[in-house]
Amino acid sequence: MARSKIEVKGFEARHYDSLMNIITLGYYPRFIRSAVSFIELPDDARVLDIGCGTGRNARLIANHLGDSCRVVGIDIGADMLAGFSGRQGKDPRLSVMKADIRHRFPFRDKLFDGVFMSFVLHGMEHEERLHILSEICRVLKPGGKFYLLDYRPLDLKSGGLLTRLVFHLECDLASEFLTHDWEEILSGRGFGEFDEKCFFGKKVRILKSVRLLYTE
């Protein structure tokens, strides 16, 4: 049976933003704004937000890039999609659609200047992760940038009690996610030119990679 945490639903989905604020003792809004500030894309960029949830991140990205950008969010959860639609209002820069990222993305090749994914990849089976990275490479323009906001690889055995507790409470796949060299994996999927910005004592990072001009 797949262990992927593909959908957030019910109470957790309806109150997701508030729950994240509480869990991080109010730090989450400042953290996510700081992560988004790391994004460097053209003012008129077209950006894909994978696992967009309530749309908070999509709006932050749009506000960061300016009036000429377009941010397309995709998510599988009906509750999350409803939350996004309710929050985006009449902002013409934002749109959302339902999609299961375990399958082919519903976009043509080389459509996006940037892709953003926040705390989604660690909840997937590893074969699903590799598929998702290949799809991201496909829909990105050559030279486009992929921003992965997620846990940073670390050895849990050397982590503190609080760190081990956090990952005990996380989905089953999160601990396994930490064991992979994601720069090496991304290099094998057509990406390079890595850079990162770290948070929470270097346990979380936003990792930037560039879709190379020539991929196999």
N, C-alpha and C. Protein backbone atom coordinates (compact mmCIF):
# COMPACT_ATOMS: atom_id res chain seq x y z
N MET A 1 0.84 -1.20 0.00
CA MET A 1 0.00 0.00 0.00
C MET A 1 0.88 1.25 0.00
N ALA A 2 0.55 2.20 -0.85
CA ALA A 2 1.31 3.44 -0.93
C ALA A 2 1.19 4.22 0.37
N ARG A 3 2.30 4.80 0.79
CA ARG A 3 2.33 5.57 2.03
C ARG A 3 2.28 7.07 1.76
N SER A 4 2.13 7.45 0.51
CA SER A 4 2.18 8.86 0.14
C SER A 4 1.10 9.65 0.85
N LYS A 5 1.48 10.83 1.30
CA LYS A 5 0.51 11.76 1.87
C LYS A 5 0.16 12.76 0.78
N ILE A 6 -0.76 12.36 -0.09
CA ILE A 6 -1.03 13.13 -1.30
C ILE A 6 -2.07 14.19 -1.09
N GLU A 7 -2.96 14.01 -0.09
CA GLU A 7 -4.06 14.96 0.06
C GLU A 7 -4.25 15.36 1.51
N VAL A 8 -4.38 16.66 1.73
CA VAL A 8 -4.76 17.20 3.04
C VAL A 8 -6.24 17.54 2.96
N LYS A 9 -7.01 17.05 3.91
CA LYS A 9 -8.46 17.23 3.81
C LYS A 9 -9.07 17.52 5.18
N GLY A 10 -10.36 17.81 5.17
CA GLY A 10 -11.11 17.98 6.40
C GLY A 10 -10.67 19.17 7.23
N PHE A 11 -10.65 18.99 8.54
CA PHE A 11 -10.31 20.06 9.48
C PHE A 11 -8.92 20.62 9.19
N GLU A 12 -7.96 19.72 8.93
CA GLU A 12 -6.58 20.16 8.67
C GLU A 12 -6.52 21.07 7.46
N ALA A 13 -7.26 20.74 6.40
CA ALA A 13 -7.25 21.56 5.19
C ALA A 13 -7.94 22.90 5.43
N ARG A 14 -9.08 22.86 6.12
CA ARG A 14 -9.86 24.10 6.32
C ARG A 14 -9.12 25.10 7.20
N HIS A 15 -8.25 24.60 8.08
CA HIS A 15 -7.56 25.49 9.02
C HIS A 15 -6.04 25.39 8.86
N TYR A 16 -5.60 25.03 7.66
CA TYR A 16 -4.18 24.72 7.46
C TYR A 16 -3.26 25.89 7.82
N ASP A 17 -3.57 27.07 7.34
CA ASP A 17 -2.69 28.21 7.60
C ASP A 17 -2.60 28.50 9.09
N SER A 18 -3.73 28.48 9.78
CA SER A 18 -3.74 28.75 11.21
C SER A 18 -2.97 27.67 11.98
N LEU A 19 -3.13 26.42 11.57
CA LEU A 19 -2.42 25.33 12.24
C LEU A 19 -0.90 25.47 12.06
N MET A 20 -0.46 25.84 10.87
CA MET A 20 0.97 26.05 10.64
C MET A 20 1.50 27.19 11.50
N ASN A 21 0.72 28.23 11.66
CA ASN A 21 1.13 29.34 12.52
C ASN A 21 1.29 28.88 13.97
N ILE A 22 0.34 28.06 14.43
CA ILE A 22 0.38 27.58 15.81
C ILE A 22 1.55 26.63 16.03
N ILE A 23 1.74 25.68 15.12
CA ILE A 23 2.80 24.68 15.25
C ILE A 23 4.18 25.34 15.32
N THR A 24 4.36 26.43 14.57
CA THR A 24 5.66 27.11 14.53
C THR A 24 5.73 28.30 15.49
N LEU A 25 4.76 28.36 16.41
CA LEU A 25 4.73 29.43 17.42
C LEU A 25 4.72 30.82 16.76
N GLY A 26 3.99 30.93 15.67
CA GLY A 26 3.84 32.20 14.99
C GLY A 26 4.93 32.55 14.01
N TYR A 27 5.91 31.66 13.85
CA TYR A 27 7.06 31.96 12.99
C TYR A 27 6.77 31.71 11.51
N TYR A 28 5.77 30.89 11.21
CA TYR A 28 5.58 30.44 9.83
C TYR A 28 5.40 31.57 8.82
N PRO A 29 4.57 32.60 9.10
CA PRO A 29 4.41 33.66 8.08
C PRO A 29 5.74 34.34 7.73
N ARG A 30 6.57 34.61 8.74
CA ARG A 30 7.86 35.25 8.48
C ARG A 30 8.79 34.29 7.73
N PHE A 31 8.74 33.02 8.11
CA PHE A 31 9.56 32.00 7.43
C PHE A 31 9.20 31.89 5.96
N ILE A 32 7.93 31.78 5.64
CA ILE A 32 7.55 31.57 4.25
C ILE A 32 7.81 32.81 3.41
N ARG A 33 7.64 34.00 4.00
CA ARG A 33 7.99 35.22 3.26
C ARG A 33 9.48 35.27 2.96
N SER A 34 10.30 34.85 3.93
CA SER A 34 11.74 34.84 3.72
C SER A 34 12.12 33.83 2.65
N ALA A 35 11.46 32.68 2.63
CA ALA A 35 11.74 31.67 1.60
C ALA A 35 11.37 32.19 0.22
N VAL A 36 10.20 32.81 0.11
CA VAL A 36 9.75 33.34 -1.18
C VAL A 36 10.67 34.45 -1.68
N SER A 37 11.25 35.20 -0.75
CA SER A 37 12.16 36.29 -1.16
C SER A 37 13.41 35.76 -1.85
N PHE A 38 13.70 34.48 -1.69
CA PHE A 38 14.85 33.84 -2.33
C PHE A 38 14.61 33.60 -3.82
N ILE A 39 13.35 33.66 -4.24
CA ILE A 39 12.98 33.38 -5.63
C ILE A 39 13.42 34.53 -6.54
N GLU A 40 14.15 34.20 -7.58
CA GLU A 40 14.59 35.18 -8.57
C GLU A 40 14.09 34.73 -9.93
N LEU A 41 13.10 35.46 -10.44
CA LEU A 41 12.50 35.17 -11.74
C LEU A 41 12.14 36.49 -12.41
N PRO A 42 11.93 36.49 -13.73
CA PRO A 42 11.52 37.72 -14.41
C PRO A 42 10.19 38.25 -13.87
N ASP A 43 9.99 39.55 -14.00
CA ASP A 43 8.74 40.17 -13.53
C ASP A 43 7.51 39.57 -14.19
N ASP A 44 7.66 39.12 -15.44
CA ASP A 44 6.52 38.56 -16.16
C ASP A 44 6.54 37.03 -16.17
N ALA A 45 7.18 36.43 -15.17
CA ALA A 45 7.33 34.98 -15.13
C ALA A 45 6.00 34.27 -15.00
N ARG A 46 5.96 33.08 -15.58
CA ARG A 46 4.84 32.16 -15.36
C ARG A 46 5.34 31.08 -14.41
N VAL A 47 4.68 30.94 -13.27
CA VAL A 47 5.17 30.07 -12.20
C VAL A 47 4.13 29.00 -11.88
N LEU A 48 4.61 27.78 -11.68
CA LEU A 48 3.75 26.67 -11.24
C LEU A 48 4.01 26.42 -9.77
N ASP A 49 2.94 26.45 -8.96
CA ASP A 49 3.01 26.16 -7.53
C ASP A 49 2.39 24.77 -7.32
N ILE A 50 3.26 23.78 -7.04
CA ILE A 50 2.83 22.39 -6.92
C ILE A 50 2.40 22.09 -5.49
N GLY A 51 1.18 21.56 -5.34
CA GLY A 51 0.65 21.34 -4.00
C GLY A 51 0.35 22.67 -3.34
N CYS A 52 -0.39 23.49 -4.06
CA CYS A 52 -0.54 24.92 -3.70
C CYS A 52 -1.37 25.16 -2.46
N GLY A 53 -2.14 24.16 -2.01
CA GLY A 53 -2.90 24.33 -0.79
C GLY A 53 -3.86 25.50 -0.83
N THR A 54 -3.83 26.31 0.21
CA THR A 54 -4.79 27.41 0.36
C THR A 54 -4.49 28.60 -0.53
N GLY A 55 -3.34 28.62 -1.17
CA GLY A 55 -2.98 29.74 -2.03
C GLY A 55 -2.16 30.81 -1.35
N ARG A 56 -1.85 30.63 -0.07
CA ARG A 56 -1.05 31.64 0.62
C ARG A 56 0.29 31.83 -0.05
N ASN A 57 0.98 30.73 -0.37
CA ASN A 57 2.29 30.84 -0.99
C ASN A 57 2.19 31.44 -2.39
N ALA A 58 1.17 31.05 -3.14
CA ALA A 58 1.00 31.58 -4.49
C ALA A 58 0.83 33.09 -4.47
N ARG A 59 0.07 33.59 -3.53
CA ARG A 59 -0.12 35.03 -3.43
C ARG A 59 1.18 35.73 -3.03
N LEU A 60 1.94 35.13 -2.12
CA LEU A 60 3.22 35.71 -1.73
C LEU A 60 4.18 35.76 -2.92
N ILE A 61 4.19 34.68 -3.72
CA ILE A 61 5.04 34.66 -4.90
C ILE A 61 4.62 35.76 -5.88
N ALA A 62 3.33 35.89 -6.11
CA ALA A 62 2.83 36.92 -7.03
C ALA A 62 3.18 38.31 -6.52
N ASN A 63 3.01 38.55 -5.24
CA ASN A 63 3.34 39.86 -4.69
C ASN A 63 4.84 40.13 -4.77
N HIS A 64 5.64 39.09 -4.62
CA HIS A 64 7.10 39.22 -4.71
C HIS A 64 7.54 39.57 -6.13
N LEU A 65 6.90 38.96 -7.13
CA LEU A 65 7.33 39.15 -8.52
C LEU A 65 6.71 40.39 -9.16
N GLY A 66 5.47 40.74 -8.77
CA GLY A 66 4.87 41.95 -9.32
C GLY A 66 3.62 41.70 -10.15
N ASP A 67 3.14 42.76 -10.77
CA ASP A 67 1.83 42.74 -11.43
C ASP A 67 1.80 41.94 -12.73
N SER A 68 2.95 41.70 -13.34
CA SER A 68 2.96 41.06 -14.67
C SER A 68 3.11 39.54 -14.62
N CYS A 69 3.32 38.97 -13.44
CA CYS A 69 3.54 37.53 -13.35
C CYS A 69 2.21 36.78 -13.38
N ARG A 70 2.29 35.48 -13.55
CA ARG A 70 1.14 34.60 -13.46
C ARG A 70 1.56 33.38 -12.64
N VAL A 71 0.78 33.04 -11.63
CA VAL A 71 1.07 31.89 -10.77
C VAL A 71 -0.09 30.91 -10.89
N VAL A 72 0.22 29.69 -11.34
CA VAL A 72 -0.78 28.64 -11.49
C VAL A 72 -0.57 27.63 -10.37
N GLY A 73 -1.59 27.43 -9.54
CA GLY A 73 -1.51 26.45 -8.48
C GLY A 73 -2.19 25.16 -8.86
N ILE A 74 -1.60 24.03 -8.46
CA ILE A 74 -2.26 22.74 -8.65
C ILE A 74 -2.27 22.00 -7.32
N ASP A 75 -3.36 21.30 -7.06
CA ASP A 75 -3.52 20.51 -5.85
C ASP A 75 -4.56 19.43 -6.14
N ILE A 76 -4.56 18.38 -5.33
CA ILE A 76 -5.53 17.31 -5.54
C ILE A 76 -6.72 17.42 -4.59
N GLY A 77 -6.55 18.16 -3.48
CA GLY A 77 -7.57 18.19 -2.44
C GLY A 77 -8.68 19.18 -2.69
N ALA A 78 -9.92 18.71 -2.63
CA ALA A 78 -11.07 19.60 -2.86
C ALA A 78 -11.13 20.71 -1.83
N ASP A 79 -10.83 20.39 -0.56
CA ASP A 79 -10.87 21.41 0.49
C ASP A 79 -9.79 22.47 0.26
N MET A 80 -8.62 22.04 -0.14
CA MET A 80 -7.54 22.99 -0.41
C MET A 80 -7.88 23.85 -1.63
N LEU A 81 -8.42 23.24 -2.66
CA LEU A 81 -8.79 23.99 -3.86
C LEU A 81 -9.85 25.04 -3.54
N ALA A 82 -10.79 24.67 -2.70
CA ALA A 82 -11.83 25.63 -2.30
C ALA A 82 -11.21 26.77 -1.50
N GLY A 83 -10.24 26.44 -0.64
CA GLY A 83 -9.57 27.48 0.13
C GLY A 83 -8.80 28.43 -0.76
N PHE A 84 -8.11 27.88 -1.77
CA PHE A 84 -7.38 28.72 -2.72
C PHE A 84 -8.33 29.65 -3.44
N SER A 85 -9.41 29.10 -3.97
CA SER A 85 -10.37 29.91 -4.73
C SER A 85 -10.96 31.01 -3.87
N GLY A 86 -11.21 30.71 -2.59
CA GLY A 86 -11.77 31.72 -1.71
C GLY A 86 -10.80 32.83 -1.38
N ARG A 87 -9.50 32.50 -1.38
CA ARG A 87 -8.49 33.49 -1.00
C ARG A 87 -7.96 34.29 -2.19
N GLN A 88 -8.02 33.73 -3.40
CA GLN A 88 -7.41 34.43 -4.52
C GLN A 88 -8.24 35.64 -4.96
N GLY A 89 -9.55 35.64 -4.58
CA GLY A 89 -10.39 36.78 -4.93
C GLY A 89 -10.42 37.01 -6.42
N LYS A 90 -10.22 38.23 -6.80
CA LYS A 90 -10.24 38.59 -8.22
C LYS A 90 -8.85 38.88 -8.76
N ASP A 91 -7.84 38.39 -8.07
CA ASP A 91 -6.46 38.63 -8.48
C ASP A 91 -6.20 37.93 -9.82
N PRO A 92 -5.98 38.66 -10.90
CA PRO A 92 -5.81 38.03 -12.22
C PRO A 92 -4.49 37.28 -12.35
N ARG A 93 -3.59 37.48 -11.42
CA ARG A 93 -2.29 36.80 -11.49
C ARG A 93 -2.38 35.35 -11.04
N LEU A 94 -3.45 34.98 -10.33
CA LEU A 94 -3.54 33.68 -9.70
C LEU A 94 -4.62 32.82 -10.35
N SER A 95 -4.32 31.55 -10.53
CA SER A 95 -5.31 30.58 -10.98
C SER A 95 -4.99 29.24 -10.33
N VAL A 96 -5.99 28.36 -10.28
CA VAL A 96 -5.79 27.07 -9.61
C VAL A 96 -6.55 26.00 -10.36
N MET A 97 -6.03 24.79 -10.34
CA MET A 97 -6.70 23.68 -10.98
C MET A 97 -6.37 22.39 -10.24
N LYS A 98 -7.24 21.40 -10.38
CA LYS A 98 -7.05 20.11 -9.74
C LYS A 98 -6.12 19.26 -10.60
N ALA A 99 -5.15 18.62 -9.96
CA ALA A 99 -4.24 17.72 -10.66
C ALA A 99 -3.61 16.77 -9.68
N ASP A 100 -3.40 15.54 -10.11
CA ASP A 100 -2.70 14.52 -9.34
C ASP A 100 -1.27 14.45 -9.87
N ILE A 101 -0.32 14.92 -9.09
CA ILE A 101 1.06 15.03 -9.56
C ILE A 101 1.74 13.68 -9.70
N ARG A 102 1.08 12.61 -9.28
CA ARG A 102 1.64 11.27 -9.49
C ARG A 102 1.49 10.84 -10.95
N HIS A 103 0.73 11.61 -11.71
CA HIS A 103 0.53 11.34 -13.14
C HIS A 103 1.14 12.49 -13.95
N ARG A 104 1.00 12.43 -15.25
CA ARG A 104 1.55 13.47 -16.12
C ARG A 104 0.86 14.81 -15.79
N PHE A 105 1.67 15.85 -15.67
CA PHE A 105 1.12 17.17 -15.38
C PHE A 105 0.29 17.66 -16.57
N PRO A 106 -0.80 18.37 -16.34
CA PRO A 106 -1.69 18.81 -17.43
C PRO A 106 -1.21 20.08 -18.11
N PHE A 107 0.07 20.10 -18.49
CA PHE A 107 0.66 21.29 -19.12
C PHE A 107 1.58 20.85 -20.25
N ARG A 108 1.70 21.71 -21.23
CA ARG A 108 2.60 21.41 -22.35
C ARG A 108 4.06 21.58 -21.92
N ASP A 109 4.96 21.08 -22.73
CA ASP A 109 6.39 21.18 -22.46
C ASP A 109 6.84 22.65 -22.44
N LYS A 110 7.82 22.93 -21.57
CA LYS A 110 8.54 24.21 -21.56
C LYS A 110 7.60 25.40 -21.41
N LEU A 111 6.60 25.28 -20.53
CA LEU A 111 5.61 26.34 -20.36
C LEU A 111 5.99 27.35 -19.28
N PHE A 112 6.68 26.89 -18.24
CA PHE A 112 6.88 27.73 -17.05
C PHE A 112 8.31 28.25 -16.93
N ASP A 113 8.41 29.46 -16.39
CA ASP A 113 9.72 30.04 -16.07
C ASP A 113 10.22 29.57 -14.71
N GLY A 114 9.29 29.20 -13.83
CA GLY A 114 9.67 28.75 -12.51
C GLY A 114 8.67 27.77 -11.95
N VAL A 115 9.15 26.89 -11.09
CA VAL A 115 8.30 25.95 -10.37
C VAL A 115 8.65 26.04 -8.89
N PHE A 116 7.62 26.07 -8.06
CA PHE A 116 7.78 26.14 -6.60
C PHE A 116 7.02 24.98 -5.98
N MET A 117 7.67 24.28 -5.04
CA MET A 117 7.00 23.18 -4.35
C MET A 117 7.39 23.21 -2.88
N SER A 118 6.40 23.31 -2.00
CA SER A 118 6.64 23.49 -0.57
C SER A 118 6.10 22.29 0.22
N PHE A 119 7.01 21.54 0.84
CA PHE A 119 6.68 20.44 1.76
C PHE A 119 5.70 19.45 1.14
N VAL A 120 5.99 19.06 -0.09
CA VAL A 120 5.21 18.05 -0.79
C VAL A 120 6.06 16.82 -1.10
N LEU A 121 7.26 17.03 -1.58
CA LEU A 121 8.06 15.93 -2.11
C LEU A 121 8.39 14.90 -1.04
N HIS A 122 8.61 15.32 0.20
CA HIS A 122 9.00 14.36 1.25
C HIS A 122 7.87 13.38 1.57
N GLY A 123 6.64 13.71 1.21
CA GLY A 123 5.51 12.86 1.51
C GLY A 123 5.17 11.86 0.42
N MET A 124 6.04 11.73 -0.58
CA MET A 124 5.78 10.83 -1.70
C MET A 124 6.69 9.61 -1.63
N GLU A 125 6.23 8.52 -2.24
CA GLU A 125 7.11 7.38 -2.46
C GLU A 125 8.26 7.81 -3.36
N HIS A 126 9.43 7.16 -3.24
CA HIS A 126 10.59 7.65 -3.96
C HIS A 126 10.40 7.57 -5.48
N GLU A 127 9.75 6.52 -5.96
CA GLU A 127 9.50 6.42 -7.40
C GLU A 127 8.60 7.57 -7.86
N GLU A 128 7.66 7.96 -7.03
CA GLU A 128 6.79 9.09 -7.35
C GLU A 128 7.59 10.39 -7.37
N ARG A 129 8.51 10.53 -6.45
CA ARG A 129 9.36 11.74 -6.43
C ARG A 129 10.13 11.88 -7.74
N LEU A 130 10.71 10.77 -8.20
CA LEU A 130 11.49 10.82 -9.43
C LEU A 130 10.62 11.19 -10.62
N HIS A 131 9.41 10.64 -10.66
CA HIS A 131 8.47 11.00 -11.72
C HIS A 131 8.15 12.50 -11.67
N ILE A 132 7.89 13.01 -10.48
CA ILE A 132 7.54 14.43 -10.32
C ILE A 132 8.68 15.32 -10.80
N LEU A 133 9.92 14.96 -10.44
CA LEU A 133 11.06 15.77 -10.87
C LEU A 133 11.21 15.75 -12.39
N SER A 134 10.96 14.60 -13.01
CA SER A 134 11.02 14.52 -14.47
C SER A 134 9.95 15.39 -15.11
N GLU A 135 8.76 15.41 -14.52
CA GLU A 135 7.69 16.23 -15.04
C GLU A 135 8.00 17.73 -14.85
N ILE A 136 8.60 18.07 -13.73
CA ILE A 136 8.99 19.46 -13.51
C ILE A 136 9.99 19.90 -14.58
N CYS A 137 10.95 19.04 -14.86
CA CYS A 137 11.93 19.34 -15.92
C CYS A 137 11.22 19.53 -17.25
N ARG A 138 10.23 18.70 -17.52
CA ARG A 138 9.51 18.77 -18.80
C ARG A 138 8.77 20.09 -18.97
N VAL A 139 8.09 20.55 -17.93
CA VAL A 139 7.26 21.75 -18.07
C VAL A 139 8.04 23.05 -17.88
N LEU A 140 9.27 22.95 -17.40
CA LEU A 140 10.11 24.14 -17.27
C LEU A 140 10.79 24.49 -18.59
N LYS A 141 10.89 25.78 -18.85
CA LYS A 141 11.69 26.24 -19.98
C LYS A 141 13.17 25.96 -19.69
N PRO A 142 13.99 25.72 -20.71
CA PRO A 142 15.44 25.66 -20.47
C PRO A 142 15.92 26.94 -19.80
N GLY A 143 16.65 26.80 -18.74
CA GLY A 143 17.07 27.96 -17.95
C GLY A 143 16.08 28.34 -16.87
N GLY A 144 14.90 27.69 -16.86
CA GLY A 144 13.92 27.94 -15.81
C GLY A 144 14.40 27.41 -14.47
N LYS A 145 13.79 27.89 -13.39
CA LYS A 145 14.28 27.56 -12.05
C LYS A 145 13.23 26.78 -11.26
N PHE A 146 13.73 25.78 -10.54
CA PHE A 146 12.90 24.98 -9.65
C PHE A 146 13.29 25.30 -8.21
N TYR A 147 12.31 25.69 -7.41
CA TYR A 147 12.54 26.01 -6.00
C TYR A 147 11.83 24.97 -5.14
N LEU A 148 12.63 24.18 -4.44
CA LEU A 148 12.12 23.10 -3.59
C LEU A 148 12.27 23.51 -2.13
N LEU A 149 11.15 23.77 -1.48
CA LEU A 149 11.14 24.11 -0.05
C LEU A 149 10.75 22.85 0.71
N ASP A 150 11.70 22.31 1.48
CA ASP A 150 11.43 21.05 2.17
C ASP A 150 12.54 20.81 3.20
N TYR A 151 12.49 19.64 3.83
CA TYR A 151 13.50 19.30 4.81
C TYR A 151 14.87 19.15 4.16
N ARG A 152 15.89 19.54 4.90
CA ARG A 152 17.27 19.41 4.42
C ARG A 152 17.81 18.05 4.86
N PRO A 153 18.57 17.37 4.00
CA PRO A 153 19.12 16.07 4.39
C PRO A 153 19.90 16.15 5.71
N LEU A 154 19.66 15.21 6.61
CA LEU A 154 20.37 15.17 7.88
C LEU A 154 20.30 13.76 8.45
N ASP A 155 21.19 13.50 9.41
CA ASP A 155 21.24 12.22 10.10
C ASP A 155 20.41 12.34 11.36
N LEU A 156 19.26 11.69 11.38
CA LEU A 156 18.37 11.81 12.53
C LEU A 156 19.01 11.29 13.82
N LYS A 157 19.90 10.32 13.71
CA LYS A 157 20.53 9.77 14.91
C LYS A 157 21.34 10.81 15.66
N SER A 158 21.86 11.79 14.90
CA SER A 158 22.65 12.84 15.54
C SER A 158 21.82 14.07 15.88
N GLY A 159 20.52 14.02 15.53
CA GLY A 159 19.63 15.14 15.82
C GLY A 159 19.18 15.14 17.27
N GLY A 160 18.69 16.26 17.73
CA GLY A 160 18.21 16.38 19.10
C GLY A 160 16.88 15.67 19.29
N LEU A 161 16.45 15.63 20.54
CA LEU A 161 15.19 14.96 20.87
C LEU A 161 14.01 15.59 20.16
N LEU A 162 13.97 16.93 20.08
CA LEU A 162 12.85 17.61 19.43
C LEU A 162 12.82 17.27 17.94
N THR A 163 13.97 17.24 17.31
CA THR A 163 14.03 16.90 15.88
C THR A 163 13.52 15.50 15.63
N ARG A 164 13.95 14.56 16.45
CA ARG A 164 13.49 13.17 16.29
C ARG A 164 11.99 13.05 16.53
N LEU A 165 11.48 13.84 17.48
CA LEU A 165 10.06 13.82 17.77
C LEU A 165 9.26 14.35 16.58
N VAL A 166 9.74 15.43 15.98
CA VAL A 166 9.05 16.01 14.83
C VAL A 166 8.92 14.99 13.71
N PHE A 167 10.01 14.28 13.44
CA PHE A 167 9.96 13.32 12.34
C PHE A 167 9.21 12.05 12.72
N HIS A 168 9.11 11.75 14.01
CA HIS A 168 8.27 10.64 14.44
C HIS A 168 6.80 10.95 14.17
N LEU A 169 6.43 12.23 14.31
CA LEU A 169 5.05 12.64 14.09
C LEU A 169 4.74 12.89 12.62
N GLU A 170 5.76 13.07 11.81
CA GLU A 170 5.57 13.31 10.38
C GLU A 170 5.10 12.03 9.69
N CYS A 171 4.80 12.14 8.37
CA CYS A 171 4.41 10.96 7.61
C CYS A 171 5.60 9.99 7.54
N ASP A 172 5.31 8.72 7.27
CA ASP A 172 6.33 7.67 7.31
C ASP A 172 7.51 7.93 6.38
N LEU A 173 7.27 8.65 5.31
CA LEU A 173 8.29 8.83 4.28
C LEU A 173 9.25 9.98 4.56
N ALA A 174 8.94 10.84 5.53
CA ALA A 174 9.75 12.03 5.75
C ALA A 174 11.17 11.66 6.18
N SER A 175 11.31 10.69 7.08
CA SER A 175 12.64 10.30 7.55
C SER A 175 13.47 9.73 6.41
N GLU A 176 12.84 8.95 5.55
CA GLU A 176 13.55 8.39 4.40
C GLU A 176 13.99 9.48 3.43
N PHE A 177 13.19 10.52 3.28
CA PHE A 177 13.51 11.65 2.41
C PHE A 177 14.85 12.28 2.81
N LEU A 178 15.14 12.30 4.10
CA LEU A 178 16.36 12.94 4.60
C LEU A 178 17.63 12.24 4.16
N THR A 179 17.53 10.98 3.78
CA THR A 179 18.73 10.19 3.50
C THR A 179 19.26 10.39 2.08
N HIS A 180 18.53 11.10 1.24
CA HIS A 180 18.92 11.23 -0.17
C HIS A 180 19.72 12.51 -0.43
N ASP A 181 20.63 12.42 -1.36
CA ASP A 181 21.38 13.57 -1.86
C ASP A 181 20.56 14.17 -3.01
N TRP A 182 19.80 15.21 -2.71
CA TRP A 182 18.86 15.73 -3.70
C TRP A 182 19.54 16.51 -4.82
N GLU A 183 20.70 17.10 -4.55
CA GLU A 183 21.44 17.72 -5.65
C GLU A 183 21.87 16.67 -6.67
N GLU A 184 22.32 15.52 -6.17
CA GLU A 184 22.73 14.44 -7.09
C GLU A 184 21.53 13.91 -7.87
N ILE A 185 20.40 13.73 -7.19
CA ILE A 185 19.21 13.23 -7.87
C ILE A 185 18.73 14.23 -8.92
N LEU A 186 18.71 15.50 -8.56
CA LEU A 186 18.27 16.53 -9.51
C LEU A 186 19.23 16.62 -10.69
N SER A 187 20.52 16.44 -10.44
CA SER A 187 21.49 16.45 -11.53
C SER A 187 21.18 15.37 -12.56
N GLY A 188 20.67 14.23 -12.08
CA GLY A 188 20.30 13.14 -12.98
C GLY A 188 18.97 13.35 -13.68
N ARG A 189 18.26 14.42 -13.33
CA ARG A 189 16.97 14.74 -13.93
C ARG A 189 17.02 16.02 -14.75
N GLY A 190 18.23 16.51 -15.08
CA GLY A 190 18.36 17.65 -15.97
C GLY A 190 18.51 18.99 -15.29
N PHE A 191 18.93 19.00 -14.01
CA PHE A 191 19.08 20.25 -13.28
C PHE A 191 20.52 20.47 -12.84
N GLY A 192 20.84 21.73 -12.58
CA GLY A 192 22.16 22.10 -12.08
C GLY A 192 22.13 23.48 -11.45
N GLU A 193 23.32 24.05 -11.21
CA GLU A 193 23.47 25.41 -10.68
C GLU A 193 22.71 25.59 -9.35
N PHE A 194 23.04 24.78 -8.38
CA PHE A 194 22.30 24.74 -7.13
C PHE A 194 22.69 25.87 -6.18
N ASP A 195 21.71 26.28 -5.41
CA ASP A 195 21.93 27.25 -4.32
C ASP A 195 20.84 26.99 -3.29
N GLU A 196 21.06 27.40 -2.05
CA GLU A 196 20.07 27.15 -1.02
C GLU A 196 20.06 28.25 0.03
N LYS A 197 18.93 28.35 0.71
CA LYS A 197 18.76 29.22 1.87
C LYS A 197 18.14 28.37 2.96
N CYS A 198 18.73 28.38 4.15
CA CYS A 198 18.34 27.46 5.21
C CYS A 198 17.58 28.15 6.32
N PHE A 199 16.77 27.36 7.02
CA PHE A 199 15.93 27.83 8.12
C PHE A 199 15.91 26.77 9.23
N PHE A 200 15.40 27.15 10.38
CA PHE A 200 15.20 26.23 11.50
C PHE A 200 16.47 25.43 11.80
N GLY A 201 17.57 26.15 12.00
CA GLY A 201 18.83 25.49 12.33
C GLY A 201 19.33 24.57 11.24
N LYS A 202 19.15 24.96 9.99
CA LYS A 202 19.58 24.21 8.80
C LYS A 202 18.85 22.87 8.66
N LYS A 203 17.67 22.76 9.25
CA LYS A 203 16.87 21.54 9.08
C LYS A 203 15.88 21.66 7.93
N VAL A 204 15.63 22.87 7.50
CA VAL A 204 14.74 23.16 6.37
C VAL A 204 15.48 24.08 5.41
N ARG A 205 15.22 23.94 4.13
CA ARG A 205 15.87 24.81 3.16
C ARG A 205 14.96 25.02 1.96
N ILE A 206 15.21 26.10 1.25
CA ILE A 206 14.69 26.25 -0.09
C ILE A 206 15.89 26.06 -1.02
N LEU A 207 15.79 25.04 -1.85
CA LEU A 207 16.87 24.66 -2.75
C LEU A 207 16.53 25.11 -4.15
N LYS A 208 17.38 25.95 -4.71
CA LYS A 208 17.19 26.40 -6.09
C LYS A 208 18.01 25.52 -7.03
N SER A 209 17.39 25.11 -8.14
CA SER A 209 18.11 24.44 -9.21
C SER A 209 17.62 24.98 -10.54
N VAL A 210 18.46 24.89 -11.55
CA VAL A 210 18.16 25.44 -12.88
C VAL A 210 18.00 24.30 -13.87
N ARG A 211 16.93 24.38 -14.66
CA ARG A 211 16.71 23.39 -15.72
C ARG A 211 17.75 23.66 -16.81
N LEU A 212 18.65 22.70 -17.02
CA LEU A 212 19.74 22.90 -17.95
C LEU A 212 19.24 23.00 -19.39
N LEU A 213 20.03 23.66 -20.21
CA LEU A 213 19.62 23.90 -21.60
C LEU A 213 19.52 22.59 -22.37
N TYR A 214 20.39 21.65 -22.05
CA TYR A 214 20.39 20.39 -22.77
C TYR A 214 20.23 19.25 -21.77
N THR A 215 19.19 18.46 -21.93
CA THR A 215 18.96 17.32 -21.05
C THR A 215 18.76 16.08 -21.91
N GLU A 216 19.10 14.94 -21.32
CA GLU A 216 18.95 13.67 -22.06
C GLU A 216 17.48 13.28 -22.15
